[in-house]
Amino acid sequence: QVQLVESGGGLVQAGGSLRLSCAASGSIRSINAMGWYRQAPGKQRELVAGITSGGRTNYADSVKGRFTIARDNAKKTVDLQMNSLKPEDTAVYYCNADLVTTGWALLSSWGQGTQVTVSS
């Protein structure tokens, strides 16, 4: 069994910062890509930022220069530093990990989501 647990969401004023954290645990052999997605009301879930096991990153155009993704492979964690937040960043943010279980199964695992609300 694999779990992804997120923390760090909340309410912040426009221009402020938040840091999201996600920790993976359970029957994990290895983790490949990790990422953060978000889903605003009435919209589809979208990729915000991703990072490979080697540290290569990619970002949605809307967050480039404002958000930074980082991971700690030893701790099985991935963080998202969000600066200069805008009201349009308001969404539920989900952590995702593409991993291999101890039973050699390939799994794309999701966290439960954490709410980020940016007030204007």
PDB file of N, CA and C in Angstrom:
ATOM      1  N   GLN A   1       0.838  -1.188   0.000  1.00  0.00           N
ATOM      2  CA  GLN A   1       0.000   0.000   0.000  1.00  0.00           C
ATOM      3  C   GLN A   1       0.877   1.243   0.000  1.00  0.00           C
ATOM      4  N   VAL A   2       0.448   2.248  -0.770  1.00  0.00           N
ATOM      5  CA  VAL A   2       1.213   3.481  -0.924  1.00  0.00           C
ATOM      6  C   VAL A   2       0.335   4.664  -0.525  1.00  0.00           C
ATOM      7  N   GLN A   3       0.936   5.603   0.153  1.00  0.00           N
ATOM      8  CA  GLN A   3       0.225   6.819   0.540  1.00  0.00           C
ATOM      9  C   GLN A   3       1.028   8.053   0.171  1.00  0.00           C
ATOM     10  N   LEU A   4       0.336   9.079  -0.305  1.00  0.00           N
ATOM     11  CA  LEU A   4       0.911  10.396  -0.489  1.00  0.00           C
ATOM     12  C   LEU A   4       0.130  11.349   0.406  1.00  0.00           C
ATOM     13  N   VAL A   5       0.828  12.041   1.281  1.00  0.00           N
ATOM     14  CA  VAL A   5       0.170  12.947   2.218  1.00  0.00           C
ATOM     15  C   VAL A   5       0.686  14.353   1.989  1.00  0.00           C
ATOM     16  N   GLU A   6      -0.243  15.262   1.685  1.00  0.00           N
ATOM     17  CA  GLU A   6       0.104  16.656   1.412  1.00  0.00           C
ATOM     18  C   GLU A   6      -0.140  17.511   2.643  1.00  0.00           C
ATOM     19  N   SER A   7       0.574  18.622   2.696  1.00  0.00           N
ATOM     20  CA  SER A   7       0.367  19.610   3.746  1.00  0.00           C
ATOM     21  C   SER A   7       0.776  20.969   3.229  1.00  0.00           C
ATOM     22  N   GLY A   8       0.310  22.006   3.902  1.00  0.00           N
ATOM     23  CA  GLY A   8       0.783  23.342   3.609  1.00  0.00           C
ATOM     24  C   GLY A   8      -0.184  24.259   2.891  1.00  0.00           C
ATOM     25  N   GLY A   9      -1.355  23.782   2.536  1.00  0.00           N
ATOM     26  CA  GLY A   9      -2.312  24.664   1.886  1.00  0.00           C
ATOM     27  C   GLY A   9      -2.878  25.680   2.864  1.00  0.00           C
ATOM     28  N   GLY A  10      -3.698  26.591   2.339  1.00  0.00           N
ATOM     29  CA  GLY A  10      -4.317  27.573   3.214  1.00  0.00           C
ATOM     30  C   GLY A  10      -4.787  28.787   2.456  1.00  0.00           C
ATOM     31  N   LEU A  11      -5.057  29.833   3.215  1.00  0.00           N
ATOM     32  CA  LEU A  11      -5.548  31.096   2.666  1.00  0.00           C
ATOM     33  C   LEU A  11      -4.439  32.128   2.734  1.00  0.00           C
ATOM     34  N   VAL A  12      -4.215  32.830   1.628  1.00  0.00           N
ATOM     35  CA  VAL A  12      -3.165  33.839   1.576  1.00  0.00           C
ATOM     36  C   VAL A  12      -3.640  34.983   0.690  1.00  0.00           C
ATOM     37  N   GLN A  13      -3.129  36.161   0.947  1.00  0.00           N
ATOM     38  CA  GLN A  13      -3.471  37.314   0.109  1.00  0.00           C
ATOM     39  C   GLN A  13      -2.649  37.304  -1.167  1.00  0.00           C
ATOM     40  N   ALA A  14      -3.178  37.931  -2.182  1.00  0.00           N
ATOM     41  CA  ALA A  14      -2.455  38.041  -3.441  1.00  0.00           C
ATOM     42  C   ALA A  14      -1.083  38.659  -3.196  1.00  0.00           C
ATOM     43  N   GLY A  15      -0.085  38.086  -3.851  1.00  0.00           N
ATOM     44  CA  GLY A  15       1.285  38.531  -3.654  1.00  0.00           C
ATOM     45  C   GLY A  15       2.031  37.759  -2.589  1.00  0.00           C
ATOM     46  N   GLY A  16       1.304  36.968  -1.830  1.00  0.00           N
ATOM     47  CA  GLY A  16       1.919  36.192  -0.762  1.00  0.00           C
ATOM     48  C   GLY A  16       2.519  34.889  -1.237  1.00  0.00           C
ATOM     49  N   SER A  17       2.978  34.094  -0.272  1.00  0.00           N
ATOM     50  CA  SER A  17       3.655  32.834  -0.568  1.00  0.00           C
ATOM     51  C   SER A  17       3.077  31.703   0.272  1.00  0.00           C
ATOM     52  N   LEU A  18       3.169  30.512  -0.284  1.00  0.00           N
ATOM     53  CA  LEU A  18       2.836  29.290   0.431  1.00  0.00           C
ATOM     54  C   LEU A  18       3.800  28.202  -0.008  1.00  0.00           C
ATOM     55  N   ARG A  19       4.008  27.246   0.861  1.00  0.00           N
ATOM     56  CA  ARG A  19       4.850  26.100   0.526  1.00  0.00           C
ATOM     57  C   ARG A  19       4.044  24.832   0.769  1.00  0.00           C
ATOM     58  N   LEU A  20       3.898  24.044  -0.277  1.00  0.00           N
ATOM     59  CA  LEU A  20       3.222  22.758  -0.167  1.00  0.00           C
ATOM     60  C   LEU A  20       4.258  21.647  -0.053  1.00  0.00           C
ATOM     61  N   SER A  21       3.937  20.661   0.767  1.00  0.00           N
ATOM     62  CA  SER A  21       4.820  19.510   0.932  1.00  0.00           C
ATOM     63  C   SER A  21       4.034  18.227   0.731  1.00  0.00           C
ATOM     64  N   CYS A  22       4.720  17.213   0.229  1.00  0.00           N
ATOM     65  CA  CYS A  22       4.090  15.923  -0.001  1.00  0.00           C
ATOM     66  C   CYS A  22       5.095  14.840   0.369  1.00  0.00           C
ATOM     67  N   ALA A  23       4.640  13.888   1.174  1.00  0.00           N
ATOM     68  CA  ALA A  23       5.496  12.786   1.589  1.00  0.00           C
ATOM     69  C   ALA A  23       4.881  11.461   1.150  1.00  0.00           C
ATOM     70  N   ALA A  24       5.696  10.651   0.513  1.00  0.00           N
ATOM     71  CA  ALA A  24       5.254   9.327   0.069  1.00  0.00           C
ATOM     72  C   ALA A  24       5.714   8.276   1.068  1.00  0.00           C
ATOM     73  N   SER A  25       4.859   7.305   1.298  1.00  0.00           N
ATOM     74  CA  SER A  25       5.223   6.224   2.218  1.00  0.00           C
ATOM     75  C   SER A  25       4.540   4.926   1.795  1.00  0.00           C
ATOM     76  N   GLY A  26       5.028   3.830   2.346  1.00  0.00           N
ATOM     77  CA  GLY A  26       4.420   2.543   2.044  1.00  0.00           C
ATOM     78  C   GLY A  26       5.379   1.633   1.290  1.00  0.00           C
ATOM     79  N   SER A  27       4.770   0.748   0.518  1.00  0.00           N
ATOM     80  CA  SER A  27       5.536  -0.296  -0.172  1.00  0.00           C
ATOM     81  C   SER A  27       6.130   0.225  -1.481  1.00  0.00           C
ATOM     82  N   ILE A  28       7.117   1.091  -1.344  1.00  0.00           N
ATOM     83  CA  ILE A  28       7.710   1.779  -2.495  1.00  0.00           C
ATOM     84  C   ILE A  28       9.119   1.256  -2.747  1.00  0.00           C
ATOM     85  N   ARG A  29       9.369   0.822  -3.964  1.00  0.00           N
ATOM     86  CA  ARG A  29      10.719   0.420  -4.350  1.00  0.00           C
ATOM     87  C   ARG A  29      11.488   1.619  -4.891  1.00  0.00           C
ATOM     88  N   SER A  30      10.825   2.381  -5.761  1.00  0.00           N
ATOM     89  CA  SER A  30      11.470   3.561  -6.325  1.00  0.00           C
ATOM     90  C   SER A  30      10.392   4.517  -6.832  1.00  0.00           C
ATOM     91  N   ILE A  31      10.786   5.780  -6.917  1.00  0.00           N
ATOM     92  CA  ILE A  31       9.860   6.805  -7.420  1.00  0.00           C
ATOM     93  C   ILE A  31      10.476   7.444  -8.649  1.00  0.00           C
ATOM     94  N   ASN A  32       9.739   7.499  -9.716  1.00  0.00           N
ATOM     95  CA  ASN A  32      10.214   8.142 -10.935  1.00  0.00           C
ATOM     96  C   ASN A  32       9.806   9.616 -10.887  1.00  0.00           C
ATOM     97  N   ALA A  33       8.912  10.036 -11.743  1.00  0.00           N
ATOM     98  CA  ALA A  33       8.510  11.434 -11.743  1.00  0.00           C
ATOM     99  C   ALA A  33       7.572  11.738 -10.569  1.00  0.00           C
ATOM    100  N   MET A  34       7.684  12.952 -10.080  1.00  0.00           N
ATOM    101  CA  MET A  34       6.747  13.465  -9.080  1.00  0.00           C
ATOM    102  C   MET A  34       6.233  14.803  -9.589  1.00  0.00           C
ATOM    103  N   GLY A  35       5.051  15.166  -9.144  1.00  0.00           N
ATOM    104  CA  GLY A  35       4.512  16.420  -9.637  1.00  0.00           C
ATOM    105  C   GLY A  35       3.396  16.961  -8.780  1.00  0.00           C
ATOM    106  N   TRP A  36       3.072  18.200  -9.065  1.00  0.00           N
ATOM    107  CA  TRP A  36       1.936  18.855  -8.440  1.00  0.00           C
ATOM    108  C   TRP A  36       0.941  19.249  -9.536  1.00  0.00           C
ATOM    109  N   TYR A  37      -0.301  18.925  -9.283  1.00  0.00           N
ATOM    110  CA  TYR A  37      -1.396  19.281 -10.169  1.00  0.00           C
ATOM    111  C   TYR A  37      -2.377  20.148  -9.383  1.00  0.00           C
ATOM    112  N   ARG A  38      -3.253  20.819 -10.106  1.00  0.00           N
ATOM    113  CA  ARG A  38      -4.297  21.586  -9.420  1.00  0.00           C
ATOM    114  C   ARG A  38      -5.588  21.512 -10.209  1.00  0.00           C
ATOM    115  N   GLN A  39      -6.672  21.670  -9.469  1.00  0.00           N
ATOM    116  CA  GLN A  39      -7.985  21.679 -10.088  1.00  0.00           C
ATOM    117  C   GLN A  39      -8.834  22.763  -9.454  1.00  0.00           C
ATOM    118  N   ALA A  40      -9.200  23.732 -10.273  1.00  0.00           N
ATOM    119  CA  ALA A  40     -10.084  24.811  -9.836  1.00  0.00           C
ATOM    120  C   ALA A  40     -11.533  24.401 -10.105  1.00  0.00           C
ATOM    121  N   PRO A  41     -12.486  24.994  -9.387  1.00  0.00           N
ATOM    122  CA  PRO A  41     -13.896  24.645  -9.608  1.00  0.00           C
ATOM    123  C   PRO A  41     -14.317  24.818 -11.059  1.00  0.00           C
ATOM    124  N   GLY A  42     -14.919  23.784 -11.615  1.00  0.00           N
ATOM    125  CA  GLY A  42     -15.398  23.843 -12.982  1.00  0.00           C
ATOM    126  C   GLY A  42     -14.341  23.670 -14.044  1.00  0.00           C
ATOM    127  N   LYS A  43     -13.115  23.382 -13.611  1.00  0.00           N
ATOM    128  CA  LYS A  43     -12.028  23.226 -14.578  1.00  0.00           C
ATOM    129  C   LYS A  43     -11.401  21.841 -14.455  1.00  0.00           C
ATOM    130  N   GLN A  44     -10.669  21.468 -15.502  1.00  0.00           N
ATOM    131  CA  GLN A  44      -9.971  20.191 -15.472  1.00  0.00           C
ATOM    132  C   GLN A  44      -8.709  20.280 -14.629  1.00  0.00           C
ATOM    133  N   ARG A  45      -8.290  19.128 -14.123  1.00  0.00           N
ATOM    134  CA  ARG A  45      -7.028  19.081 -13.391  1.00  0.00           C
ATOM    135  C   ARG A  45      -5.887  19.353 -14.367  1.00  0.00           C
ATOM    136  N   GLU A  46      -4.938  20.169 -13.940  1.00  0.00           N
ATOM    137  CA  GLU A  46      -3.818  20.528 -14.806  1.00  0.00           C
ATOM    138  C   GLU A  46      -2.503  20.366 -14.067  1.00  0.00           C
ATOM    139  N   LEU A  47      -1.469  20.076 -14.854  1.00  0.00           N
ATOM    140  CA  LEU A  47      -0.129  19.973 -14.294  1.00  0.00           C
ATOM    141  C   LEU A  47       0.388  21.363 -13.957  1.00  0.00           C
ATOM    142  N   VAL A  48       0.877  21.521 -12.742  1.00  0.00           N
ATOM    143  CA  VAL A  48       1.492  22.779 -12.322  1.00  0.00           C
ATOM    144  C   VAL A  48       3.008  22.692 -12.477  1.00  0.00           C
ATOM    145  N   ALA A  49       3.588  21.634 -11.949  1.00  0.00           N
ATOM    146  CA  ALA A  49       5.042  21.457 -12.008  1.00  0.00           C
ATOM    147  C   ALA A  49       5.370  19.988 -11.848  1.00  0.00           C
ATOM    148  N   GLY A  50       6.423  19.550 -12.531  1.00  0.00           N
ATOM    149  CA  GLY A  50       6.872  18.181 -12.430  1.00  0.00           C
ATOM    150  C   GLY A  50       8.371  18.120 -12.258  1.00  0.00           C
ATOM    151  N   ILE A  51       8.838  17.006 -11.704  1.00  0.00           N
ATOM    152  CA  ILE A  51      10.278  16.829 -11.504  1.00  0.00           C
ATOM    153  C   ILE A  51      10.610  15.355 -11.636  1.00  0.00           C
ATOM    154  N   THR A  52      11.665  15.068 -12.404  1.00  0.00           N
ATOM    155  CA  THR A  52      12.088  13.683 -12.579  1.00  0.00           C
ATOM    156  C   THR A  52      12.960  13.247 -11.409  1.00  0.00           C
ATOM    157  N   SER A  53      13.280  11.976 -11.372  1.00  0.00           N
ATOM    158  CA  SER A  53      14.145  11.473 -10.306  1.00  0.00           C
ATOM    159  C   SER A  53      15.541  12.085 -10.400  1.00  0.00           C
ATOM    160  N   GLY A  54      15.903  12.525 -11.594  1.00  0.00           N
ATOM    161  CA  GLY A  54      17.207  13.162 -11.783  1.00  0.00           C
ATOM    162  C   GLY A  54      17.206  14.651 -11.539  1.00  0.00           C
ATOM    163  N   GLY A  55      16.021  15.200 -11.238  1.00  0.00           N
ATOM    164  CA  GLY A  55      15.952  16.618 -10.906  1.00  0.00           C
ATOM    165  C   GLY A  55      15.546  17.539 -12.041  1.00  0.00           C
ATOM    166  N   ARG A  56      15.213  16.971 -13.200  1.00  0.00           N
ATOM    167  CA  ARG A  56      14.756  17.815 -14.295  1.00  0.00           C
ATOM    168  C   ARG A  56      13.345  18.284 -13.997  1.00  0.00           C
ATOM    169  N   THR A  57      13.108  19.585 -14.208  1.00  0.00           N
ATOM    170  CA  THR A  57      11.820  20.172 -13.863  1.00  0.00           C
ATOM    171  C   THR A  57      11.094  20.720 -15.088  1.00  0.00           C
ATOM    172  N   ASN A  58       9.788  20.798 -14.976  1.00  0.00           N
ATOM    173  CA  ASN A  58       8.986  21.492 -15.972  1.00  0.00           C
ATOM    174  C   ASN A  58       7.823  22.165 -15.263  1.00  0.00           C
ATOM    175  N   TYR A  59       7.393  23.285 -15.841  1.00  0.00           N
ATOM    176  CA  TYR A  59       6.361  24.099 -15.201  1.00  0.00           C
ATOM    177  C   TYR A  59       5.305  24.513 -16.221  1.00  0.00           C
ATOM    178  N   ALA A  60       4.095  24.692 -15.725  1.00  0.00           N
ATOM    179  CA  ALA A  60       3.067  25.315 -16.540  1.00  0.00           C
ATOM    180  C   ALA A  60       3.482  26.757 -16.809  1.00  0.00           C
ATOM    181  N   ASP A  61       3.154  27.254 -17.983  1.00  0.00           N
ATOM    182  CA  ASP A  61       3.535  28.622 -18.340  1.00  0.00           C
ATOM    183  C   ASP A  61       3.005  29.623 -17.323  1.00  0.00           C
ATOM    184  N   SER A  62       1.843  29.356 -16.766  1.00  0.00           N
ATOM    185  CA  SER A  62       1.203  30.306 -15.862  1.00  0.00           C
ATOM    186  C   SER A  62       1.925  30.463 -14.530  1.00  0.00           C
ATOM    187  N   VAL A  63       2.824  29.535 -14.206  1.00  0.00           N
ATOM    188  CA  VAL A  63       3.501  29.613 -12.903  1.00  0.00           C
ATOM    189  C   VAL A  63       5.013  29.781 -13.035  1.00  0.00           C
ATOM    190  N   LYS A  64       5.525  29.781 -14.243  1.00  0.00           N
ATOM    191  CA  LYS A  64       6.973  29.916 -14.439  1.00  0.00           C
ATOM    192  C   LYS A  64       7.470  31.211 -13.819  1.00  0.00           C
ATOM    193  N   GLY A  65       8.571  31.108 -13.089  1.00  0.00           N
ATOM    194  CA  GLY A  65       9.150  32.274 -12.447  1.00  0.00           C
ATOM    195  C   GLY A  65       8.560  32.578 -11.088  1.00  0.00           C
ATOM    196  N   ARG A  66       7.457  31.913 -10.738  1.00  0.00           N
ATOM    197  CA  ARG A  66       6.809  32.154  -9.443  1.00  0.00           C
ATOM    198  C   ARG A  66       6.852  30.916  -8.544  1.00  0.00           C
ATOM    199  N   PHE A  67       6.741  29.737  -9.146  1.00  0.00           N
ATOM    200  CA  PHE A  67       6.712  28.492  -8.385  1.00  0.00           C
ATOM    201  C   PHE A  67       8.016  27.728  -8.599  1.00  0.00           C
ATOM    202  N   THR A  68       8.427  26.998  -7.569  1.00  0.00           N
ATOM    203  CA  THR A  68       9.608  26.157  -7.648  1.00  0.00           C
ATOM    204  C   THR A  68       9.306  24.795  -7.035  1.00  0.00           C
ATOM    205  N   ILE A  69       9.599  23.753  -7.806  1.00  0.00           N
ATOM    206  CA  ILE A  69       9.406  22.388  -7.313  1.00  0.00           C
ATOM    207  C   ILE A  69      10.756  21.795  -6.945  1.00  0.00           C
ATOM    208  N   ALA A  70      10.781  21.028  -5.868  1.00  0.00           N
ATOM    209  CA  ALA A  70      12.017  20.385  -5.424  1.00  0.00           C
ATOM    210  C   ALA A  70      11.656  19.056  -4.760  1.00  0.00           C
ATOM    211  N   ARG A  71      12.580  18.121  -4.797  1.00  0.00           N
ATOM    212  CA  ARG A  71      12.313  16.819  -4.183  1.00  0.00           C
ATOM    213  C   ARG A  71      13.529  16.339  -3.405  1.00  0.00           C
ATOM    214  N   ASP A  72      13.246  15.474  -2.443  1.00  0.00           N
ATOM    215  CA  ASP A  72      14.297  14.821  -1.681  1.00  0.00           C
ATOM    216  C   ASP A  72      14.088  13.323  -1.887  1.00  0.00           C
ATOM    217  N   ASN A  73      14.933  12.716  -2.692  1.00  0.00           N
ATOM    218  CA  ASN A  73      14.725  11.311  -3.035  1.00  0.00           C
ATOM    219  C   ASN A  73      14.857  10.402  -1.816  1.00  0.00           C
ATOM    220  N   ALA A  74      15.766  10.729  -0.937  1.00  0.00           N
ATOM    221  CA  ALA A  74      15.979   9.891   0.247  1.00  0.00           C
ATOM    222  C   ALA A  74      14.758   9.918   1.174  1.00  0.00           C
ATOM    223  N   LYS A  75      14.138  11.078   1.286  1.00  0.00           N
ATOM    224  CA  LYS A  75      12.979  11.217   2.169  1.00  0.00           C
ATOM    225  C   LYS A  75      11.672  10.943   1.455  1.00  0.00           C
ATOM    226  N   LYS A  76      11.728  10.772   0.136  1.00  0.00           N
ATOM    227  CA  LYS A  76      10.534  10.542  -0.659  1.00  0.00           C
ATOM    228  C   LYS A  76       9.542  11.701  -0.516  1.00  0.00           C
ATOM    229  N   THR A  77      10.057  12.901  -0.621  1.00  0.00           N
ATOM    230  CA  THR A  77       9.205  14.081  -0.511  1.00  0.00           C
ATOM    231  C   THR A  77       9.344  14.973  -1.735  1.00  0.00           C
ATOM    232  N   VAL A  78       8.304  15.742  -1.987  1.00  0.00           N
ATOM    233  CA  VAL A  78       8.339  16.754  -3.032  1.00  0.00           C
ATOM    234  C   VAL A  78       7.632  17.989  -2.502  1.00  0.00           C
ATOM    235  N   ASP A  79       8.258  19.136  -2.704  1.00  0.00           N
ATOM    236  CA  ASP A  79       7.726  20.401  -2.227  1.00  0.00           C
ATOM    237  C   ASP A  79       7.423  21.325  -3.403  1.00  0.00           C
ATOM    238  N   LEU A  80       6.502  22.231  -3.175  1.00  0.00           N
ATOM    239  CA  LEU A  80       6.194  23.262  -4.160  1.00  0.00           C
ATOM    240  C   LEU A  80       6.196  24.609  -3.450  1.00  0.00           C
ATOM    241  N   GLN A  81       7.189  25.418  -3.742  1.00  0.00           N
ATOM    242  CA  GLN A  81       7.258  26.780  -3.209  1.00  0.00           C
ATOM    243  C   GLN A  81       6.509  27.697  -4.160  1.00  0.00           C
ATOM    244  N   MET A  82       5.495  28.368  -3.644  1.00  0.00           N
ATOM    245  CA  MET A  82       4.660  29.235  -4.477  1.00  0.00           C
ATOM    246  C   MET A  82       4.800  30.675  -4.003  1.00  0.00           C
ATOM    247  N   ASN A  83       5.336  31.520  -4.857  1.00  0.00           N
ATOM    248  CA  ASN A  83       5.520  32.938  -4.552  1.00  0.00           C
ATOM    249  C   ASN A  83       4.655  33.789  -5.477  1.00  0.00           C
ATOM    250  N   SER A  84       4.490  35.029  -5.094  1.00  0.00           N
ATOM    251  CA  SER A  84       3.710  35.979  -5.904  1.00  0.00           C
ATOM    252  C   SER A  84       2.371  35.371  -6.321  1.00  0.00           C
ATOM    253  N   LEU A  85       1.690  34.836  -5.365  1.00  0.00           N
ATOM    254  CA  LEU A  85       0.437  34.136  -5.656  1.00  0.00           C
ATOM    255  C   LEU A  85      -0.624  35.095  -6.170  1.00  0.00           C
ATOM    256  N   LYS A  86      -1.450  34.566  -7.065  1.00  0.00           N
ATOM    257  CA  LYS A  86      -2.520  35.337  -7.688  1.00  0.00           C
ATOM    258  C   LYS A  86      -3.863  34.658  -7.388  1.00  0.00           C
ATOM    259  N   PRO A  87      -4.945  35.412  -7.434  1.00  0.00           N
ATOM    260  CA  PRO A  87      -6.259  34.792  -7.203  1.00  0.00           C
ATOM    261  C   PRO A  87      -6.524  33.612  -8.140  1.00  0.00           C
ATOM    262  N   GLU A  88      -6.002  33.680  -9.354  1.00  0.00           N
ATOM    263  CA  GLU A  88      -6.229  32.581 -10.297  1.00  0.00           C
ATOM    264  C   GLU A  88      -5.451  31.313  -9.948  1.00  0.00           C
ATOM    265  N   ASP A  89      -4.600  31.379  -8.934  1.00  0.00           N
ATOM    266  CA  ASP A  89      -3.916  30.173  -8.444  1.00  0.00           C
ATOM    267  C   ASP A  89      -4.800  29.382  -7.471  1.00  0.00           C
ATOM    268  N   THR A  90      -5.934  29.949  -7.124  1.00  0.00           N
ATOM    269  CA  THR A  90      -6.845  29.277  -6.210  1.00  0.00           C
ATOM    270  C   THR A  90      -7.324  27.960  -6.798  1.00  0.00           C
ATOM    271  N   ALA A  91      -7.127  26.879  -6.049  1.00  0.00           N
ATOM    272  CA  ALA A  91      -7.483  25.539  -6.523  1.00  0.00           C
ATOM    273  C   ALA A  91      -7.182  24.528  -5.421  1.00  0.00           C
ATOM    274  N   VAL A  92      -7.619  23.307  -5.664  1.00  0.00           N
ATOM    275  CA  VAL A  92      -7.144  22.191  -4.853  1.00  0.00           C
ATOM    276  C   VAL A  92      -5.882  21.652  -5.527  1.00  0.00           C
ATOM    277  N   TYR A  93      -4.816  21.535  -4.767  1.00  0.00           N
ATOM    278  CA  TYR A  93      -3.538  21.077  -5.282  1.00  0.00           C
ATOM    279  C   TYR A  93      -3.314  19.619  -4.876  1.00  0.00           C
ATOM    280  N   TYR A  94      -2.910  18.831  -5.869  1.00  0.00           N
ATOM    281  CA  TYR A  94      -2.704  17.393  -5.659  1.00  0.00           C
ATOM    282  C   TYR A  94      -1.257  17.019  -5.956  1.00  0.00           C
ATOM    283  N   CYS A  95      -0.717  16.196  -5.109  1.00  0.00           N
ATOM    284  CA  CYS A  95       0.601  15.615  -5.324  1.00  0.00           C
ATOM    285  C   CYS A  95       0.437  14.303  -6.105  1.00  0.00           C
ATOM    286  N   ASN A  96       1.372  14.037  -6.998  1.00  0.00           N
ATOM    287  CA  ASN A  96       1.351  12.802  -7.778  1.00  0.00           C
ATOM    288  C   ASN A  96       2.739  12.202  -7.842  1.00  0.00           C
ATOM    289  N   ALA A  97       2.791  10.884  -7.814  1.00  0.00           N
ATOM    290  CA  ALA A  97       4.080  10.188  -7.945  1.00  0.00           C
ATOM    291  C   ALA A  97       3.908   8.961  -8.830  1.00  0.00           C
ATOM    292  N   ASP A  98       4.783   8.828  -9.800  1.00  0.00           N
ATOM    293  CA  ASP A  98       4.851   7.612 -10.619  1.00  0.00           C
ATOM    294  C   ASP A  98       5.922   6.727 -10.004  1.00  0.00           C
ATOM    295  N   LEU A  99       5.532   5.580  -9.526  1.00  0.00           N
ATOM    296  CA  LEU A  99       6.459   4.793  -8.719  1.00  0.00           C
ATOM    297  C   LEU A  99       6.379   3.306  -9.024  1.00  0.00           C
ATOM    298  N   VAL A 100       7.349   2.598  -8.485  1.00  0.00           N
ATOM    299  CA  VAL A 100       7.393   1.139  -8.573  1.00  0.00           C
ATOM    300  C   VAL A 100       7.248   0.602  -7.149  1.00  0.00           C
ATOM    301  N   THR A 101       6.293  -0.285  -6.965  1.00  0.00           N
ATOM    302  CA  THR A 101       6.084  -0.841  -5.632  1.00  0.00           C
ATOM    303  C   THR A 101       7.089  -1.953  -5.350  1.00  0.00           C
ATOM    304  N   THR A 102       7.127  -2.384  -4.121  1.00  0.00           N
ATOM    305  CA  THR A 102       8.006  -3.493  -3.754  1.00  0.00           C
ATOM    306  C   THR A 102       7.604  -4.777  -4.467  1.00  0.00           C
ATOM    307  N   GLY A 103       6.374  -4.823  -4.933  1.00  0.00           N
ATOM    308  CA  GLY A 103       5.914  -5.969  -5.711  1.00  0.00           C
ATOM    309  C   GLY A 103       6.123  -5.793  -7.195  1.00  0.00           C
ATOM    310  N   TRP A 104       6.907  -4.777  -7.574  1.00  0.00           N
ATOM    311  CA  TRP A 104       7.267  -4.486  -8.959  1.00  0.00           C
ATOM    312  C   TRP A 104       6.087  -4.016  -9.805  1.00  0.00           C
ATOM    313  N   ALA A 105       5.054  -3.496  -9.167  1.00  0.00           N
ATOM    314  CA  ALA A 105       3.941  -2.935  -9.918  1.00  0.00           C
ATOM    315  C   ALA A 105       4.211  -1.456 -10.199  1.00  0.00           C
ATOM    316  N   LEU A 106       3.796  -1.010 -11.388  1.00  0.00           N
ATOM    317  CA  LEU A 106       3.883   0.406 -11.721  1.00  0.00           C
ATOM    318  C   LEU A 106       2.613   1.080 -11.239  1.00  0.00           C
ATOM    319  N   LEU A 107       2.767   2.178 -10.562  1.00  0.00           N
ATOM    320  CA  LEU A 107       1.612   2.821  -9.951  1.00  0.00           C
ATOM    321  C   LEU A 107       1.726   4.333 -10.090  1.00  0.00           C
ATOM    322  N   SER A 108       0.622   4.980 -10.427  1.00  0.00           N
ATOM    323  CA  SER A 108       0.547   6.436 -10.381  1.00  0.00           C
ATOM    324  C   SER A 108      -0.333   6.778  -9.189  1.00  0.00           C
ATOM    325  N   SER A 109       0.280   7.292  -8.152  1.00  0.00           N
ATOM    326  CA  SER A 109      -0.406   7.513  -6.892  1.00  0.00           C
ATOM    327  C   SER A 109      -0.703   8.985  -6.674  1.00  0.00           C
ATOM    328  N   TRP A 110      -1.857   9.260  -6.070  1.00  0.00           N
ATOM    329  CA  TRP A 110      -2.294  10.634  -5.820  1.00  0.00           C
ATOM    330  C   TRP A 110      -2.505  10.888  -4.336  1.00  0.00           C
ATOM    331  N   GLY A 111      -2.231  12.111  -3.936  1.00  0.00           N
ATOM    332  CA  GLY A 111      -2.577  12.548  -2.601  1.00  0.00           C
ATOM    333  C   GLY A 111      -4.040  12.936  -2.535  1.00  0.00           C
ATOM    334  N   GLN A 112      -4.473  13.303  -1.338  1.00  0.00           N
ATOM    335  CA  GLN A 112      -5.882  13.614  -1.120  1.00  0.00           C
ATOM    336  C   GLN A 112      -6.242  15.041  -1.539  1.00  0.00           C
ATOM    337  N   GLY A 113      -5.251  15.863  -1.747  1.00  0.00           N
ATOM    338  CA  GLY A 113      -5.481  17.241  -2.169  1.00  0.00           C
ATOM    339  C   GLY A 113      -5.436  18.207  -1.000  1.00  0.00           C
ATOM    340  N   THR A 114      -4.962  19.405  -1.271  1.00  0.00           N
ATOM    341  CA  THR A 114      -4.926  20.458  -0.258  1.00  0.00           C
ATOM    342  C   THR A 114      -5.398  21.762  -0.900  1.00  0.00           C
ATOM    343  N   GLN A 115      -6.259  22.467  -0.200  1.00  0.00           N
ATOM    344  CA  GLN A 115      -6.863  23.681  -0.749  1.00  0.00           C
ATOM    345  C   GLN A 115      -5.910  24.868  -0.631  1.00  0.00           C
ATOM    346  N   VAL A 116      -5.760  25.580  -1.713  1.00  0.00           N
ATOM    347  CA  VAL A 116      -5.032  26.848  -1.728  1.00  0.00           C
ATOM    348  C   VAL A 116      -6.009  27.929  -2.194  1.00  0.00           C
ATOM    349  N   THR A 117      -6.178  28.944  -1.373  1.00  0.00           N
ATOM    350  CA  THR A 117      -7.083  30.042  -1.700  1.00  0.00           C
ATOM    351  C   THR A 117      -6.312  31.348  -1.632  1.00  0.00           C
ATOM    352  N   VAL A 118      -6.336  32.100  -2.728  1.00  0.00           N
ATOM    353  CA  VAL A 118      -5.635  33.382  -2.800  1.00  0.00           C
ATOM    354  C   VAL A 118      -6.678  34.479  -2.926  1.00  0.00           C
ATOM    355  N   SER A 119      -6.706  35.358  -1.947  1.00  0.00           N
ATOM    356  CA  SER A 119      -7.685  36.436  -1.955  1.00  0.00           C
ATOM    357  C   SER A 119      -7.091  37.683  -2.605  1.00  0.00           C
ATOM    358  N   SER A 120      -7.956  38.441  -3.242  1.00  0.00           N
ATOM    359  CA  SER A 120      -7.485  39.653  -3.948  1.00  0.00           C
ATOM    360  C   SER A 120      -7.504  40.871  -3.041  1.00  0.00           C
TER     361      SER A 120
END
